[in-house]
Amino acid sequence: MTAASLGDMGYQVDPEGRRTLQAPGPAQIAREGALVPHTAPLGDGIMLPVVPTQLPAATP
């Protein structure tokens, strides 16, 4: 997201007051030990109901 895009949405922005941020790369994240496998919790989730849908008949 950029300051200009926020300005386009109607927010009041100061383009001179911005700062550039650099996201860490995968190597840096690995060195910090932050790369861990994600496992979904079993038995803690919810099951969404199946909602039957019927499409309208095609009109000529």
PDB file of N, CA and C in Angstrom:
ATOM      1  N   MET A   1       0.853  -1.158   0.000  1.00  0.00           N
ATOM      2  CA  MET A   1       0.000   0.000   0.000  1.00  0.00           C
ATOM      3  C   MET A   1       0.905   1.229   0.000  1.00  0.00           C
ATOM      4  N   THR A   2       0.550   2.189  -0.781  1.00  0.00           N
ATOM      5  CA  THR A   2       1.347   3.402  -0.850  1.00  0.00           C
ATOM      6  C   THR A   2       0.549   4.587  -0.329  1.00  0.00           C
ATOM      7  N   ALA A   3       1.270   5.652   0.005  1.00  0.00           N
ATOM      8  CA  ALA A   3       0.607   6.873   0.457  1.00  0.00           C
ATOM      9  C   ALA A   3      -0.288   7.412  -0.651  1.00  0.00           C
ATOM     10  N   ALA A   4       0.157   7.302  -1.889  1.00  0.00           N
ATOM     11  CA  ALA A   4      -0.644   7.798  -3.010  1.00  0.00           C
ATOM     12  C   ALA A   4      -1.950   7.022  -3.138  1.00  0.00           C
ATOM     13  N   SER A   5      -1.905   5.705  -2.899  1.00  0.00           N
ATOM     14  CA  SER A   5      -3.144   4.929  -3.013  1.00  0.00           C
ATOM     15  C   SER A   5      -4.122   5.305  -1.908  1.00  0.00           C
ATOM     16  N   LEU A   6      -3.600   5.620  -0.719  1.00  0.00           N
ATOM     17  CA  LEU A   6      -4.491   6.091   0.345  1.00  0.00           C
ATOM     18  C   LEU A   6      -5.098   7.440  -0.026  1.00  0.00           C
ATOM     19  N   GLY A   7      -4.313   8.314  -0.641  1.00  0.00           N
ATOM     20  CA  GLY A   7      -4.830   9.595  -1.107  1.00  0.00           C
ATOM     21  C   GLY A   7      -5.915   9.406  -2.151  1.00  0.00           C
ATOM     22  N   ASP A   8      -5.740   8.398  -3.022  1.00  0.00           N
ATOM     23  CA  ASP A   8      -6.754   8.113  -4.038  1.00  0.00           C
ATOM     24  C   ASP A   8      -8.073   7.660  -3.414  1.00  0.00           C
ATOM     25  N   MET A   9      -7.992   7.054  -2.221  1.00  0.00           N
ATOM     26  CA  MET A   9      -9.210   6.597  -1.542  1.00  0.00           C
ATOM     27  C   MET A   9      -9.854   7.700  -0.716  1.00  0.00           C
ATOM     28  N   GLY A  10      -9.261   8.892  -0.703  1.00  0.00           N
ATOM     29  CA  GLY A  10      -9.883  10.006  -0.016  1.00  0.00           C
ATOM     30  C   GLY A  10      -9.221  10.411   1.285  1.00  0.00           C
ATOM     31  N   TYR A  11      -8.193   9.664   1.717  1.00  0.00           N
ATOM     32  CA  TYR A  11      -7.503  10.034   2.942  1.00  0.00           C
ATOM     33  C   TYR A  11      -6.585  11.220   2.679  1.00  0.00           C
ATOM     34  N   GLN A  12      -6.386  12.028   3.700  1.00  0.00           N
ATOM     35  CA  GLN A  12      -5.464  13.141   3.587  1.00  0.00           C
ATOM     36  C   GLN A  12      -4.070  12.618   3.929  1.00  0.00           C
ATOM     37  N   VAL A  13      -3.156  12.716   2.988  1.00  0.00           N
ATOM     38  CA  VAL A  13      -1.812  12.189   3.183  1.00  0.00           C
ATOM     39  C   VAL A  13      -0.785  13.282   2.917  1.00  0.00           C
ATOM     40  N   ASP A  14       0.383  13.125   3.536  1.00  0.00           N
ATOM     41  CA  ASP A  14       1.514  14.015   3.304  1.00  0.00           C
ATOM     42  C   ASP A  14       2.585  13.201   2.596  1.00  0.00           C
ATOM     43  N   PRO A  15       2.697  13.331   1.266  1.00  0.00           N
ATOM     44  CA  PRO A  15       3.655  12.510   0.527  1.00  0.00           C
ATOM     45  C   PRO A  15       5.101  12.734   0.973  1.00  0.00           C
ATOM     46  N   GLU A  16       5.411  13.880   1.537  1.00  0.00           N
ATOM     47  CA  GLU A  16       6.776  14.140   1.984  1.00  0.00           C
ATOM     48  C   GLU A  16       7.063  13.482   3.333  1.00  0.00           C
ATOM     49  N   GLY A  17       6.037  13.062   4.055  1.00  0.00           N
ATOM     50  CA  GLY A  17       6.222  12.473   5.369  1.00  0.00           C
ATOM     51  C   GLY A  17       6.304  10.961   5.340  1.00  0.00           C
ATOM     52  N   ARG A  18       6.386  10.400   4.160  1.00  0.00           N
ATOM     53  CA  ARG A  18       6.403   8.942   4.054  1.00  0.00           C
ATOM     54  C   ARG A  18       7.788   8.394   4.360  1.00  0.00           C
ATOM     55  N   ARG A  19       7.822   7.089   4.621  1.00  0.00           N
ATOM     56  CA  ARG A  19       9.100   6.403   4.785  1.00  0.00           C
ATOM     57  C   ARG A  19       8.994   5.039   4.110  1.00  0.00           C
ATOM     58  N   THR A  20      10.093   4.578   3.600  1.00  0.00           N
ATOM     59  CA  THR A  20      10.131   3.300   2.907  1.00  0.00           C
ATOM     60  C   THR A  20      10.490   2.209   3.897  1.00  0.00           C
ATOM     61  N   LEU A  21       9.723   1.144   3.889  1.00  0.00           N
ATOM     62  CA  LEU A  21       9.985   0.003   4.759  1.00  0.00           C
ATOM     63  C   LEU A  21      10.449  -1.165   3.907  1.00  0.00           C
ATOM     64  N   GLN A  22      11.374  -1.920   4.426  1.00  0.00           N
ATOM     65  CA  GLN A  22      11.896  -3.089   3.721  1.00  0.00           C
ATOM     66  C   GLN A  22      11.490  -4.338   4.480  1.00  0.00           C
ATOM     67  N   ALA A  23      10.783  -5.229   3.825  1.00  0.00           N
ATOM     68  CA  ALA A  23      10.395  -6.499   4.454  1.00  0.00           C
ATOM     69  C   ALA A  23      11.611  -7.413   4.482  1.00  0.00           C
ATOM     70  N   PRO A  24      11.772  -8.188   5.565  1.00  0.00           N
ATOM     71  CA  PRO A  24      12.913  -9.094   5.624  1.00  0.00           C
ATOM     72  C   PRO A  24      12.769 -10.217   4.602  1.00  0.00           C
ATOM     73  N   GLY A  25      13.895 -10.660   4.066  1.00  0.00           N
ATOM     74  CA  GLY A  25      13.890 -11.758   3.107  1.00  0.00           C
ATOM     75  C   GLY A  25      13.833 -13.100   3.812  1.00  0.00           C
ATOM     76  N   PRO A  26      13.600 -14.163   3.068  1.00  0.00           N
ATOM     77  CA  PRO A  26      13.503 -15.493   3.670  1.00  0.00           C
ATOM     78  C   PRO A  26      14.781 -15.902   4.410  1.00  0.00           C
ATOM     79  N   ALA A  27      15.950 -15.541   3.899  1.00  0.00           N
ATOM     80  CA  ALA A  27      17.202 -15.910   4.557  1.00  0.00           C
ATOM     81  C   ALA A  27      17.307 -15.252   5.933  1.00  0.00           C
ATOM     82  N   GLN A  28      16.924 -13.982   6.010  1.00  0.00           N
ATOM     83  CA  GLN A  28      16.975 -13.274   7.298  1.00  0.00           C
ATOM     84  C   GLN A  28      15.983 -13.888   8.286  1.00  0.00           C
ATOM     85  N   ILE A  29      14.805 -14.224   7.808  1.00  0.00           N
ATOM     86  CA  ILE A  29      13.797 -14.839   8.671  1.00  0.00           C
ATOM     87  C   ILE A  29      14.303 -16.186   9.182  1.00  0.00           C
ATOM     88  N   ALA A  30      14.968 -16.956   8.304  1.00  0.00           N
ATOM     89  CA  ALA A  30      15.502 -18.264   8.709  1.00  0.00           C
ATOM     90  C   ALA A  30      16.609 -18.093   9.745  1.00  0.00           C
ATOM     91  N   ARG A  31      17.489 -17.115   9.562  1.00  0.00           N
ATOM     92  CA  ARG A  31      18.564 -16.878  10.524  1.00  0.00           C
ATOM     93  C   ARG A  31      18.007 -16.531  11.900  1.00  0.00           C
ATOM     94  N   GLU A  32      16.875 -15.834  11.921  1.00  0.00           N
ATOM     95  CA  GLU A  32      16.261 -15.444  13.191  1.00  0.00           C
ATOM     96  C   GLU A  32      15.467 -16.590  13.818  1.00  0.00           C
ATOM     97  N   GLY A  33      15.332 -17.700  13.093  1.00  0.00           N
ATOM     98  CA  GLY A  33      14.607 -18.851  13.619  1.00  0.00           C
ATOM     99  C   GLY A  33      13.103 -18.702  13.568  1.00  0.00           C
ATOM    100  N   ALA A  34      12.612 -17.810  12.719  1.00  0.00           N
ATOM    101  CA  ALA A  34      11.176 -17.562  12.656  1.00  0.00           C
ATOM    102  C   ALA A  34      10.457 -18.453  11.648  1.00  0.00           C
ATOM    103  N   LEU A  35      11.205 -19.266  10.877  1.00  0.00           N
ATOM    104  CA  LEU A  35      10.561 -20.175   9.928  1.00  0.00           C
ATOM    105  C   LEU A  35      10.224 -21.465  10.649  1.00  0.00           C
ATOM    106  N   VAL A  36       8.968 -21.640  10.947  1.00  0.00           N
ATOM    107  CA  VAL A  36       8.519 -22.858  11.618  1.00  0.00           C
ATOM    108  C   VAL A  36       7.360 -23.429  10.823  1.00  0.00           C
ATOM    109  N   PRO A  37       7.247 -24.755  10.763  1.00  0.00           N
ATOM    110  CA  PRO A  37       6.118 -25.329  10.034  1.00  0.00           C
ATOM    111  C   PRO A  37       4.807 -25.032  10.741  1.00  0.00           C
ATOM    112  N   HIS A  38       3.802 -24.768   9.969  1.00  0.00           N
ATOM    113  CA  HIS A  38       2.480 -24.491  10.520  1.00  0.00           C
ATOM    114  C   HIS A  38       1.668 -25.773  10.503  1.00  0.00           C
ATOM    115  N   THR A  39       1.087 -26.097  11.618  1.00  0.00           N
ATOM    116  CA  THR A  39       0.195 -27.249  11.669  1.00  0.00           C
ATOM    117  C   THR A  39      -1.163 -26.775  12.167  1.00  0.00           C
ATOM    118  N   ALA A  40      -2.177 -27.236  11.516  1.00  0.00           N
ATOM    119  CA  ALA A  40      -3.534 -26.854  11.906  1.00  0.00           C
ATOM    120  C   ALA A  40      -3.920 -27.586  13.179  1.00  0.00           C
ATOM    121  N   PRO A  41      -4.610 -26.912  14.081  1.00  0.00           N
ATOM    122  CA  PRO A  41      -5.052 -27.592  15.293  1.00  0.00           C
ATOM    123  C   PRO A  41      -6.165 -28.584  14.967  1.00  0.00           C
ATOM    124  N   LEU A  42      -5.960 -29.817  15.369  1.00  0.00           N
ATOM    125  CA  LEU A  42      -6.971 -30.841  15.104  1.00  0.00           C
ATOM    126  C   LEU A  42      -7.988 -30.844  16.234  1.00  0.00           C
ATOM    127  N   GLY A  43      -9.263 -30.918  15.894  1.00  0.00           N
ATOM    128  CA  GLY A  43     -10.306 -30.984  16.895  1.00  0.00           C
ATOM    129  C   GLY A  43     -10.743 -29.619  17.413  1.00  0.00           C
ATOM    130  N   ASP A  44     -10.096 -28.547  16.964  1.00  0.00           N
ATOM    131  CA  ASP A  44     -10.459 -27.213  17.439  1.00  0.00           C
ATOM    132  C   ASP A  44     -11.211 -26.400  16.391  1.00  0.00           C
ATOM    133  N   GLY A  45     -11.435 -26.985  15.231  1.00  0.00           N
ATOM    134  CA  GLY A  45     -12.071 -26.235  14.147  1.00  0.00           C
ATOM    135  C   GLY A  45     -13.580 -26.377  14.169  1.00  0.00           C
ATOM    136  N   ILE A  46     -14.204 -25.738  13.208  1.00  0.00           N
ATOM    137  CA  ILE A  46     -15.649 -25.852  13.057  1.00  0.00           C
ATOM    138  C   ILE A  46     -15.933 -26.383  11.663  1.00  0.00           C
ATOM    139  N   MET A  47     -17.058 -27.002  11.513  1.00  0.00           N
ATOM    140  CA  MET A  47     -17.461 -27.520  10.215  1.00  0.00           C
ATOM    141  C   MET A  47     -18.585 -26.636   9.697  1.00  0.00           C
ATOM    142  N   LEU A  48     -18.382 -26.077   8.538  1.00  0.00           N
ATOM    143  CA  LEU A  48     -19.418 -25.235   7.955  1.00  0.00           C
ATOM    144  C   LEU A  48     -20.498 -26.114   7.335  1.00  0.00           C
ATOM    145  N   PRO A  49     -21.760 -25.727   7.495  1.00  0.00           N
ATOM    146  CA  PRO A  49     -22.830 -26.537   6.919  1.00  0.00           C
ATOM    147  C   PRO A  49     -22.841 -26.417   5.399  1.00  0.00           C
ATOM    148  N   VAL A  50     -23.336 -27.440   4.768  1.00  0.00           N
ATOM    149  CA  VAL A  50     -23.497 -27.401   3.318  1.00  0.00           C
ATOM    150  C   VAL A  50     -24.830 -26.714   3.038  1.00  0.00           C
ATOM    151  N   VAL A  51     -24.775 -25.644   2.305  1.00  0.00           N
ATOM    152  CA  VAL A  51     -25.981 -24.889   1.967  1.00  0.00           C
ATOM    153  C   VAL A  51     -26.389 -25.286   0.550  1.00  0.00           C
ATOM    154  N   PRO A  52     -27.523 -25.941   0.406  1.00  0.00           N
ATOM    155  CA  PRO A  52     -27.935 -26.334  -0.944  1.00  0.00           C
ATOM    156  C   PRO A  52     -28.284 -25.111  -1.781  1.00  0.00           C
ATOM    157  N   THR A  53     -27.823 -25.123  -2.989  1.00  0.00           N
ATOM    158  CA  THR A  53     -28.132 -24.035  -3.917  1.00  0.00           C
ATOM    159  C   THR A  53     -28.706 -24.624  -5.186  1.00  0.00           C
ATOM    160  N   GLN A  54     -29.619 -23.909  -5.750  1.00  0.00           N
ATOM    161  CA  GLN A  54     -30.213 -24.341  -7.010  1.00  0.00           C
ATOM    162  C   GLN A  54     -30.176 -23.152  -7.954  1.00  0.00           C
ATOM    163  N   LEU A  55     -29.510 -23.329  -9.060  1.00  0.00           N
ATOM    164  CA  LEU A  55     -29.412 -22.257 -10.044  1.00  0.00           C
ATOM    165  C   LEU A  55     -30.761 -22.095 -10.741  1.00  0.00           C
ATOM    166  N   PRO A  56     -31.102 -20.839 -11.057  1.00  0.00           N
ATOM    167  CA  PRO A  56     -32.370 -20.630 -11.791  1.00  0.00           C
ATOM    168  C   PRO A  56     -32.294 -21.239 -13.184  1.00  0.00           C
ATOM    169  N   ALA A  57     -33.439 -21.614 -13.688  1.00  0.00           N
ATOM    170  CA  ALA A  57     -33.498 -22.174 -15.031  1.00  0.00           C
ATOM    171  C   ALA A  57     -33.049 -21.120 -16.038  1.00  0.00           C
ATOM    172  N   ALA A  58     -32.381 -21.581 -17.060  1.00  0.00           N
ATOM    173  CA  ALA A  58     -31.908 -20.654 -18.106  1.00  0.00           C
ATOM    174  C   ALA A  58     -33.100 -20.066 -18.839  1.00  0.00           C
ATOM    175  N   THR A  59     -33.029 -18.784 -19.112  1.00  0.00           N
ATOM    176  CA  THR A  59     -34.103 -18.132 -19.870  1.00  0.00           C
ATOM    177  C   THR A  59     -33.694 -18.030 -21.330  1.00  0.00           C
ATOM    178  N   PRO A  60     -34.633 -18.272 -22.215  1.00  0.00           N
ATOM    179  CA  PRO A  60     -34.293 -18.232 -23.646  1.00  0.00           C
ATOM    180  C   PRO A  60     -33.996 -16.857 -24.150  1.00  0.00           C
TER     181      PRO A  60
END
